[in-house]
């Protein structure tokens, strides 16, 4: 208790904002206000391509405008729009060695309106056998530009519902077709007939900037994703309480988006950033990081000095209060710089304690990191034991708002020497990335 009081006092003395301490700018009341709006039931889980995600976007846009940010790259507003292609199956008929396969055993990925394939076509038959690394092999074929007929052993039937619920949506539609057929061991002679409805859909990131004073062409990014899982059902295989099928995503990642808005307000009031600060909330993270991938193509990676990606900071970390971890801590000196700037406080940043989960590659920092940017995710989520992760229980009431507020303050303070131009984190060695 005593150390915390001293810490807050020191923060208030050392970091003034036009005569006000950071505690007057980043407050629990404001964090609660924003978080409650983004995680409310009327956002309907903020699933991409739903009215809920549009409503969330409009709210974040209004907050950026109120904060006094400017649109990105001279845009007319804060919406960074881009298009994606969606494929919806109309009909399918698959016959293998004279037997018509039940459509419930088949998952097809194709962005062509009509598909006709036989064993004489340019398609390769492969197998995922019992004991294989399903995730690795699935990704190999799913992400390929070649056509595959993948025969999946019956031992993997339990994952079939998860694969069936993967959205058929992409920013770069190919001409190939990949079919996963379960409970079939051989395919000597086959025919595949598919009919799909192909459509273009528009979605948007929300992006605002504070131009830098002396180094306007050097960028520091604060980001989070504002989409989530939408409205679910028991058939999706994701647990949720009775009479509640809305996946509110309060921690994942309304918390990160709330932090981005709070930081925009803080740095605008501070008004002394030498480098340009970009504040962005990404769309379609849950679908595969599409918002971040589009964003990364809109500015030169070598001009991005650092990226603070904020993901699930609404609960205590495994170390308790006043702590968080940084994914890919060892891949640059980003984390060391942040901790140095907090040496007069009780807050502590730790390396990611869940390396086996590959979190560095699973959030929106990954796209820019693969371009060499010291892009890291800051989180507190106990990924080995986070009870509300991807459930309908992830609601405002489960968050520790007071601790989340202190985390946002600590992120603001830890970034000070990077934003002032004093420190430049080392680049990520892309040859060492998977």
Protein backbone atom coordinates (compact mmCIF):
# COMPACT_ATOMS: atom_id res chain seq x y z
CA UNK A 1 0.00 0.00 0.00
CA UNK A 2 2.71 2.44 0.98
CA UNK A 3 4.80 1.80 -2.14
CA UNK A 4 1.78 2.34 -4.38
CA UNK A 5 1.00 5.71 -2.79
CA UNK A 6 4.60 6.82 -3.23
CA UNK A 7 4.57 5.64 -6.84
CA UNK A 8 1.45 7.58 -7.76
CA UNK A 9 2.85 10.68 -6.04
CA UNK A 10 6.08 10.39 -8.02
CA UNK A 11 4.15 9.97 -11.26
CA UNK A 12 2.11 13.04 -10.51
CA UNK A 13 5.20 15.14 -9.86
CA UNK A 14 7.29 13.91 -12.75
CA UNK A 15 4.76 13.85 -15.58
CA UNK A 16 2.62 16.97 -15.76
CA UNK A 17 0.12 17.73 -18.50
CA UNK A 18 -0.43 21.49 -18.70
CA UNK A 19 -0.24 21.65 -14.92
CA UNK A 20 -2.29 18.49 -14.41
CA UNK A 21 -0.90 15.11 -13.44
CA UNK A 22 -1.44 12.09 -15.64
CA UNK A 23 -3.91 10.93 -12.99
CA UNK A 24 -6.24 13.76 -14.00
CA UNK A 25 -6.16 12.78 -17.68
CA UNK A 26 -6.22 8.99 -17.62
CA UNK A 27 -8.95 8.22 -15.09
CA UNK A 28 -10.92 5.14 -14.11
CA UNK A 29 -14.15 7.00 -14.88
CA UNK A 30 -13.11 7.64 -18.48
CA UNK A 31 -11.75 4.13 -18.91
CA UNK A 32 -15.08 2.77 -17.64
CA UNK A 33 -17.12 5.04 -19.91
CA UNK A 34 -15.34 3.99 -23.08
CA UNK A 35 -15.05 0.33 -22.14
CA UNK A 36 -18.75 0.10 -21.30
CA UNK A 37 -19.75 1.49 -24.68
CA UNK A 38 -17.49 -0.82 -26.68
CA UNK A 39 -18.46 -3.96 -24.75
CA UNK A 40 -22.19 -3.23 -24.44
CA UNK A 41 -24.76 -5.75 -25.62
CA UNK A 42 -25.98 -3.35 -28.31
CA UNK A 43 -22.60 -3.71 -30.06
CA UNK A 44 -23.64 -7.33 -30.68
CA UNK A 45 -20.13 -8.66 -30.19
CA UNK A 46 -18.56 -6.38 -32.82
CA UNK A 47 -18.22 -9.12 -35.41
CA UNK A 48 -16.70 -8.01 -38.71
CA UNK A 49 -19.31 -7.30 -41.42
CA UNK A 50 -22.16 -6.70 -38.96
CA UNK A 51 -23.98 -3.53 -37.85
CA UNK A 52 -22.22 -3.92 -34.50
CA UNK A 53 -18.75 -3.39 -35.96
CA UNK A 54 -19.99 -0.31 -37.83
CA UNK A 55 -21.42 1.08 -34.61
CA UNK A 56 -18.14 0.49 -32.80
CA UNK A 57 -16.22 2.17 -35.61
CA UNK A 58 -18.46 5.23 -35.47
CA UNK A 59 -17.94 5.51 -31.71
CA UNK A 60 -14.14 5.30 -32.00
CA UNK A 61 -14.18 7.85 -34.83
CA UNK A 62 -16.14 10.26 -32.63
CA UNK A 63 -13.64 9.79 -29.80
CA UNK A 64 -10.69 10.45 -32.11
CA UNK A 65 -12.36 13.59 -33.37
CA UNK A 66 -13.14 14.75 -29.85
CA UNK A 67 -9.53 14.12 -28.83
CA UNK A 68 -8.33 16.42 -31.62
CA UNK A 69 -6.52 13.88 -33.79
CA UNK A 70 -6.01 14.39 -37.51
CA UNK A 71 -6.93 11.85 -40.21
CA UNK A 72 -4.17 9.62 -41.50
CA UNK A 73 -2.25 10.62 -44.63
CA UNK A 74 -4.62 13.46 -45.51
CA UNK A 75 -7.72 11.26 -45.57
CA UNK A 76 -11.15 12.87 -45.40
CA UNK A 77 -12.00 11.07 -42.13
CA UNK A 78 -10.70 8.50 -39.67
CA UNK A 79 -11.95 5.48 -41.63
CA UNK A 80 -9.21 3.57 -43.44
CA UNK A 81 -11.33 1.54 -45.83
CA UNK A 82 -10.40 -1.54 -47.81
CA UNK A 83 -12.20 -4.39 -49.53
CA UNK A 84 -12.22 -8.11 -48.99
CA UNK A 85 -13.66 -11.02 -50.94
CA UNK A 86 -16.18 -13.38 -49.37
CA UNK A 87 -17.18 -16.79 -50.68
CA UNK A 88 -20.41 -18.51 -49.65
CA UNK A 89 -21.18 -22.06 -50.70
CA UNK A 90 -24.36 -22.54 -52.72
CA UNK A 91 -24.00 -26.22 -53.59
CA UNK A 92 -21.40 -28.97 -53.62
CA UNK A 93 -21.17 -32.52 -54.85
CA UNK A 94 -18.09 -34.63 -54.19
CA UNK A 95 -17.80 -38.22 -55.42
CA UNK A 96 -14.74 -40.27 -54.43
CA UNK A 97 -14.18 -43.77 -55.81
CA UNK A 98 -17.83 -44.06 -56.77
CA UNK A 99 -19.25 -42.90 -53.43
CA UNK A 100 -20.93 -39.52 -52.92
CA UNK A 101 -19.50 -37.89 -49.81
CA UNK A 102 -21.81 -36.36 -47.21
CA UNK A 103 -21.36 -32.57 -47.30
CA UNK A 104 -21.02 -32.60 -43.51
CA UNK A 105 -17.71 -34.41 -43.99
CA UNK A 106 -16.34 -31.78 -46.36
CA UNK A 107 -14.92 -28.30 -45.85
CA UNK A 108 -14.12 -26.45 -49.09
CA UNK A 109 -12.17 -23.23 -49.53
CA UNK A 110 -12.53 -21.62 -52.95
CA UNK A 111 -13.02 -18.12 -54.32
CA UNK A 112 -14.29 -19.21 -57.72
CA UNK A 113 -18.01 -19.09 -58.57
CA UNK A 114 -17.82 -22.51 -60.27
CA UNK A 115 -15.39 -25.33 -59.59
CA UNK A 116 -15.13 -28.62 -61.54
CA UNK A 117 -12.23 -30.91 -60.68
CA UNK A 118 -11.33 -34.55 -61.24
CA UNK A 119 -8.27 -36.69 -60.63
CA UNK A 120 -7.03 -35.46 -64.04
CA UNK A 121 -7.09 -31.81 -62.96
CA UNK A 122 -4.22 -29.82 -61.49
CA UNK A 123 -4.99 -30.90 -57.92
CA UNK A 124 -2.86 -32.90 -55.50
CA UNK A 125 -4.24 -35.55 -53.16
CA UNK A 126 -2.60 -35.50 -49.71
CA UNK A 127 -3.37 -37.04 -46.32
CA UNK A 128 -3.44 -35.90 -42.72
CA UNK A 129 -2.92 -39.16 -40.85
CA UNK A 130 -3.49 -40.14 -37.25
CA UNK A 131 -0.72 -38.72 -35.09
CA UNK A 132 0.17 -35.92 -37.54
CA UNK A 133 0.43 -32.30 -36.41
CA UNK A 134 -3.01 -31.27 -37.66
CA UNK A 135 -2.53 -27.54 -37.14
CA UNK A 136 0.75 -27.45 -39.05
CA UNK A 137 -0.53 -29.50 -41.97
CA UNK A 138 -3.85 -27.67 -42.11
CA UNK A 139 -2.09 -24.30 -42.37
CA UNK A 140 0.29 -25.62 -45.01
CA UNK A 141 -2.57 -26.59 -47.32
CA UNK A 142 -5.04 -23.87 -46.33
CA UNK A 143 -2.53 -21.09 -47.04
CA UNK A 144 -1.17 -22.62 -50.24
CA UNK A 145 -1.76 -21.20 -53.71
CA UNK A 146 -2.11 -24.76 -55.07
CA UNK A 147 -5.22 -26.93 -55.21
CA UNK A 148 -5.45 -29.84 -52.77
CA UNK A 149 -7.80 -32.65 -51.92
CA UNK A 150 -6.88 -33.31 -48.28
CA UNK A 151 -8.01 -36.64 -46.79
CA UNK A 152 -8.27 -36.25 -43.02
CA UNK A 153 -8.16 -39.25 -40.69
CA UNK A 154 -11.26 -39.89 -38.58
CA UNK A 155 -9.23 -39.36 -35.40
CA UNK A 156 -9.50 -35.62 -36.08
CA UNK A 157 -13.30 -35.54 -36.32
CA UNK A 158 -13.50 -33.48 -33.13
CA UNK A 159 -11.94 -30.48 -34.91
CA UNK A 160 -14.29 -30.65 -37.90
CA UNK A 161 -16.77 -28.11 -36.38
CA UNK A 162 -13.95 -25.61 -35.84
CA UNK A 163 -12.81 -25.88 -39.46
CA UNK A 164 -16.40 -25.61 -40.70
CA UNK A 165 -16.77 -22.27 -38.93
CA UNK A 166 -13.72 -20.65 -40.55
CA UNK A 167 -14.89 -17.64 -42.54
CA UNK A 168 -14.35 -17.87 -46.29
CA UNK A 169 -12.99 -14.37 -46.59
CA UNK A 170 -9.68 -13.01 -47.84
CA UNK A 171 -7.99 -9.89 -49.07
CA UNK A 172 -6.14 -11.80 -51.81
CA UNK A 173 -8.45 -14.39 -53.40
CA UNK A 174 -6.63 -17.08 -55.34
CA UNK A 175 -7.78 -19.29 -58.20
CA UNK A 176 -7.09 -22.53 -56.34
CA UNK A 177 -9.41 -24.81 -54.36
CA UNK A 178 -8.60 -26.65 -51.15
CA UNK A 179 -10.96 -29.36 -49.87
CA UNK A 180 -10.67 -31.14 -46.54
CA UNK A 181 -12.56 -34.46 -46.59
CA UNK A 182 -12.92 -36.32 -43.30
CA UNK A 183 -13.16 -40.11 -42.84
CA UNK A 184 -11.92 -40.93 -46.35
CA UNK A 185 -8.59 -42.75 -46.66
CA UNK A 186 -8.14 -43.10 -50.44
CA UNK A 187 -9.09 -41.07 -53.51
CA UNK A 188 -8.12 -42.70 -56.79
CA UNK A 189 -11.00 -41.46 -58.93
CA UNK A 190 -13.00 -38.42 -57.93
CA UNK A 191 -15.09 -35.50 -59.12
CA UNK A 192 -15.70 -32.19 -57.36
CA UNK A 193 -18.49 -29.79 -58.32
CA UNK A 194 -18.83 -26.56 -56.32
CA UNK A 195 -20.96 -23.46 -56.76
CA UNK A 196 -20.16 -20.36 -54.69
CA UNK A 197 -21.48 -16.82 -54.38
CA UNK A 198 -18.57 -14.39 -54.51
CA UNK A 199 -18.96 -10.86 -53.17
CA UNK A 200 -16.82 -7.85 -52.31
CA UNK A 201 -17.22 -6.32 -48.87
CA UNK A 202 -15.83 -3.09 -47.45
CA UNK A 203 -14.55 -2.68 -43.93
CA UNK A 204 -12.30 -0.22 -42.15
CA UNK A 205 -9.66 0.41 -39.56
CA UNK A 206 -10.01 3.60 -37.54
CA UNK A 207 -6.83 5.69 -37.72
CA UNK A 208 -5.87 9.11 -36.35
CA UNK A 209 -2.55 10.88 -35.91
CA UNK A 210 -0.72 13.52 -33.89
CA UNK A 211 1.94 14.98 -36.21
CA UNK A 212 5.45 15.07 -34.77
CA UNK A 213 7.11 18.43 -34.13
CA UNK A 214 10.71 17.79 -35.17
CA UNK A 215 10.51 14.25 -36.61
CA UNK A 216 7.17 14.12 -38.42
CA UNK A 217 8.30 11.33 -40.76
CA UNK A 218 9.11 8.95 -37.92
CA UNK A 219 6.13 7.03 -36.56
CA UNK A 220 5.19 5.50 -33.22
CA UNK A 221 2.04 3.38 -33.29
CA UNK A 222 -0.47 2.58 -30.55
CA UNK A 223 -2.94 -0.06 -31.67
CA UNK A 224 -5.62 -2.51 -30.60
CA UNK A 225 -8.34 -4.39 -32.45
CA UNK A 226 -11.99 -3.42 -32.10
CA UNK A 227 -13.63 -6.49 -33.63
CA UNK A 228 -14.67 -9.61 -31.74
CA UNK A 229 -16.71 -12.79 -32.26
CA UNK A 230 -20.27 -11.47 -32.54
CA UNK A 231 -23.30 -13.49 -31.48
CA UNK A 232 -22.80 -17.21 -31.02
CA UNK A 233 -24.76 -20.36 -30.42
CA UNK A 234 -24.11 -23.64 -28.60
CA UNK A 235 -23.52 -25.38 -31.93
CA UNK A 236 -20.37 -23.31 -32.44
CA UNK A 237 -18.67 -25.31 -29.74
CA UNK A 238 -17.72 -22.20 -27.74
CA UNK A 239 -19.05 -22.23 -24.15
CA UNK A 240 -21.35 -19.49 -22.96
CA UNK A 241 -23.91 -19.07 -20.17
CA UNK A 242 -27.60 -19.77 -20.63
CA UNK A 243 -29.62 -17.01 -22.26
CA UNK A 244 -26.50 -15.07 -23.29
CA UNK A 245 -25.03 -15.65 -26.71
CA UNK A 246 -23.33 -12.24 -27.14
CA UNK A 247 -19.56 -12.39 -27.11
CA UNK A 248 -19.02 -8.89 -25.71
CA UNK A 249 -15.22 -9.03 -25.90
CA UNK A 250 -14.70 -6.61 -23.02
CA UNK A 251 -11.13 -7.75 -22.50
CA UNK A 252 -10.60 -9.02 -26.06
CA UNK A 253 -10.11 -6.39 -27.22
CA UNK A 254 -12.37 -3.55 -26.16
CA UNK A 255 -9.76 -3.08 -23.44
CA UNK A 256 -7.01 -2.45 -25.98
CA UNK A 257 -9.19 -0.12 -28.04
CA UNK A 258 -10.14 1.78 -24.87
CA UNK A 259 -6.45 2.19 -24.09
CA UNK A 260 -5.74 3.56 -27.57
CA UNK A 261 -8.45 6.21 -27.12
CA UNK A 262 -7.18 7.13 -23.65
CA UNK A 263 -3.61 7.44 -24.93
CA UNK A 264 -4.80 9.66 -27.80
CA UNK A 265 -6.36 12.02 -25.28
CA UNK A 266 -3.26 11.99 -23.08
CA UNK A 267 -0.72 12.70 -25.80
CA UNK A 268 -2.89 15.36 -27.40
CA UNK A 269 -3.08 17.21 -24.09
CA UNK A 270 0.66 16.74 -23.56
CA UNK A 271 1.25 18.17 -27.06
CA UNK A 272 5.02 17.71 -27.11
CA UNK A 273 5.56 14.62 -29.28
CA UNK A 274 8.62 15.00 -31.50
CA UNK A 275 7.74 11.90 -33.52
CA UNK A 276 4.36 11.43 -35.19
CA UNK A 277 2.05 9.22 -33.18
CA UNK A 278 -0.44 7.01 -35.01
CA UNK A 279 -3.44 5.71 -33.07
CA UNK A 280 -5.27 2.87 -34.77
CA UNK A 281 -7.91 0.31 -33.96
CA UNK A 282 -7.82 -2.61 -36.36
CA UNK A 283 -10.74 -4.55 -37.81
CA UNK A 284 -10.84 -8.28 -38.63
CA UNK A 285 -8.13 -9.38 -36.21
CA UNK A 286 -10.25 -12.36 -35.24
CA UNK A 287 -10.58 -13.34 -38.90
CA UNK A 288 -6.83 -13.38 -39.52
CA UNK A 289 -5.37 -9.92 -38.86
CA UNK A 290 -6.62 -8.43 -42.12
CA UNK A 291 -6.92 -4.88 -40.80
CA UNK A 292 -3.32 -4.82 -39.61
CA UNK A 293 -2.12 -6.38 -42.86
CA UNK A 294 -3.77 -3.63 -44.91
CA UNK A 295 -2.55 -0.89 -42.57
CA UNK A 296 1.06 -2.13 -42.79
CA UNK A 297 1.07 -1.53 -46.54
CA UNK A 298 0.13 2.14 -46.21
CA UNK A 299 3.38 3.46 -44.76
CA UNK A 300 7.10 2.66 -45.11
CA UNK A 301 8.10 0.12 -42.47
CA UNK A 302 11.55 1.65 -42.09
CA UNK A 303 9.92 4.84 -40.82
CA UNK A 304 8.00 3.04 -38.07
CA UNK A 305 10.10 3.39 -34.94
CA UNK A 306 7.96 1.26 -32.64
CA UNK A 307 4.54 -0.33 -32.32
CA UNK A 308 2.69 -0.71 -29.02
CA UNK A 309 -0.06 -3.23 -29.72
CA UNK A 310 -2.46 -3.48 -26.78
CA UNK A 311 -4.31 -6.76 -26.39
CA UNK A 312 -6.35 -7.91 -23.37
CA UNK A 313 -5.12 -5.66 -20.55
CA UNK A 314 -8.31 -5.72 -18.47
CA UNK A 315 -7.37 -8.47 -16.01
CA UNK A 316 -4.44 -8.94 -13.65
CA UNK A 317 -1.37 -10.68 -15.03
CA UNK A 318 0.09 -13.79 -13.41
CA UNK A 319 2.26 -11.46 -11.31
CA UNK A 320 -0.72 -9.50 -9.99
CA UNK A 321 -1.36 -5.78 -10.20
CA UNK A 322 1.04 -3.21 -11.67
CA UNK A 323 2.49 -5.65 -14.18
CA UNK A 324 2.14 -6.75 -17.79
CA UNK A 325 4.13 -8.77 -20.28
CA UNK A 326 5.56 -7.98 -23.71
CA UNK A 327 5.49 -10.57 -26.49
CA UNK A 328 8.76 -11.09 -28.34
CA UNK A 329 10.62 -9.31 -25.52
CA UNK A 330 13.95 -10.76 -26.65
CA UNK A 331 13.53 -9.73 -30.30
CA UNK A 332 14.44 -6.05 -29.72
CA UNK A 333 15.36 -3.76 -26.82
CA UNK A 334 11.84 -2.24 -26.87
CA UNK A 335 10.97 -3.79 -23.49
CA UNK A 336 14.18 -2.65 -21.83
CA UNK A 337 13.52 0.93 -22.92
CA UNK A 338 9.99 0.80 -21.54
CA UNK A 339 11.15 -0.56 -18.19
CA UNK A 340 13.91 2.03 -17.93
CA UNK A 341 11.32 4.79 -18.29
CA UNK A 342 9.38 3.29 -15.37
CA UNK A 343 12.30 2.86 -12.97
CA UNK A 344 10.78 5.35 -10.51
CA UNK A 345 7.51 3.43 -10.36
CA UNK A 346 6.39 0.05 -9.04
CA UNK A 347 5.19 -1.10 -12.46
CA UNK A 348 7.03 -4.00 -14.08
CA UNK A 349 7.09 -5.30 -17.65
CA UNK A 350 7.98 -8.98 -18.05
CA UNK A 351 8.86 -11.16 -21.03
CA UNK A 352 5.97 -13.22 -22.38
CA UNK A 353 5.53 -16.17 -19.96
CA UNK A 354 3.67 -18.27 -22.53
CA UNK A 355 6.23 -18.77 -25.33
CA UNK A 356 4.75 -22.11 -26.30
CA UNK A 357 1.59 -20.30 -27.40
CA UNK A 358 3.48 -18.17 -29.95
CA UNK A 359 1.58 -15.00 -28.95
CA UNK A 360 4.09 -12.80 -30.76
CA UNK A 361 2.72 -14.17 -34.03
CA UNK A 362 -0.95 -14.24 -33.03
CA UNK A 363 -1.82 -10.56 -32.73
CA UNK A 364 -1.71 -7.45 -34.88
CA UNK A 365 1.93 -6.67 -34.10
CA UNK A 366 3.05 -9.64 -36.21
CA UNK A 367 2.62 -8.04 -39.63
CA UNK A 368 4.91 -5.09 -38.93
CA UNK A 369 7.34 -7.21 -36.90
CA UNK A 370 7.87 -9.38 -39.97
CA UNK A 371 8.96 -6.18 -41.75
CA UNK A 372 11.59 -5.51 -39.09
CA UNK A 373 9.62 -3.07 -36.94
CA UNK A 374 10.06 -3.41 -33.15
CA UNK A 375 6.36 -4.22 -32.94
CA UNK A 376 5.25 -5.91 -29.75
CA UNK A 377 2.01 -6.73 -27.97
CA UNK A 378 1.49 -5.69 -24.36
CA UNK A 379 -0.94 -7.91 -22.47
CA UNK A 380 -1.90 -9.17 -19.03
CA UNK A 381 -4.04 -12.10 -20.12
CA UNK A 382 -3.23 -15.37 -18.34
CA UNK A 383 -3.29 -17.45 -21.49
CA UNK A 384 -2.88 -20.72 -19.61
CA UNK A 385 -5.82 -19.94 -17.33
CA UNK A 386 -7.97 -17.03 -18.56
CA UNK A 387 -11.51 -18.27 -17.80
CA UNK A 388 -13.42 -15.82 -20.01
CA UNK A 389 -11.19 -15.89 -23.11
CA UNK A 390 -13.41 -16.26 -26.21
CA UNK A 391 -16.53 -16.89 -24.14
CA UNK A 392 -19.74 -14.92 -23.71
CA UNK A 393 -18.64 -14.23 -20.11
CA UNK A 394 -16.01 -11.72 -21.31
CA UNK A 395 -18.04 -8.75 -20.05
CA UNK A 396 -17.33 -5.40 -18.41
CA UNK A 397 -18.01 -6.75 -14.93
CA UNK A 398 -15.08 -9.19 -15.18
CA UNK A 399 -12.51 -6.41 -15.65
CA UNK A 400 -10.30 -4.76 -13.05
CA UNK A 401 -10.80 -1.19 -14.21
CA UNK A 402 -8.55 0.37 -11.55
CA UNK A 403 -5.64 -1.88 -12.52
CA UNK A 404 -6.34 -1.39 -16.23
CA UNK A 405 -6.19 2.37 -15.73
CA UNK A 406 -2.77 2.07 -14.08
CA UNK A 407 -1.58 -0.12 -16.95
CA UNK A 408 -2.62 2.54 -19.48
CA UNK A 409 -0.77 5.21 -17.48
CA UNK A 410 2.32 3.02 -17.36
CA UNK A 411 2.20 2.43 -21.12
CA UNK A 412 1.98 6.19 -21.64
CA UNK A 413 4.94 6.90 -19.37
CA UNK A 414 7.05 4.00 -20.63
CA UNK A 415 6.83 5.31 -24.19
CA UNK A 416 8.04 8.81 -23.33
CA UNK A 417 11.65 8.55 -24.55
CA UNK A 418 10.59 6.89 -27.79
CA UNK A 419 7.99 9.55 -28.55
CA UNK A 420 10.45 12.34 -27.69
CA UNK A 421 13.00 10.92 -30.11
CA UNK A 422 15.54 10.20 -27.39
CA UNK A 423 15.37 6.41 -27.76
CA UNK A 424 15.05 4.28 -30.87
CA UNK A 425 14.43 0.57 -30.26
CA UNK A 426 16.56 -1.93 -32.16
CA UNK A 427 14.96 -3.50 -35.22
CA UNK A 428 13.60 -7.03 -35.24
CA UNK A 429 15.88 -9.49 -37.04
CA UNK A 430 13.45 -10.87 -39.60
CA UNK A 431 15.77 -13.78 -40.44
CA UNK A 432 15.09 -15.15 -36.95
CA UNK A 433 11.31 -15.10 -37.31
CA UNK A 434 9.33 -18.18 -38.22
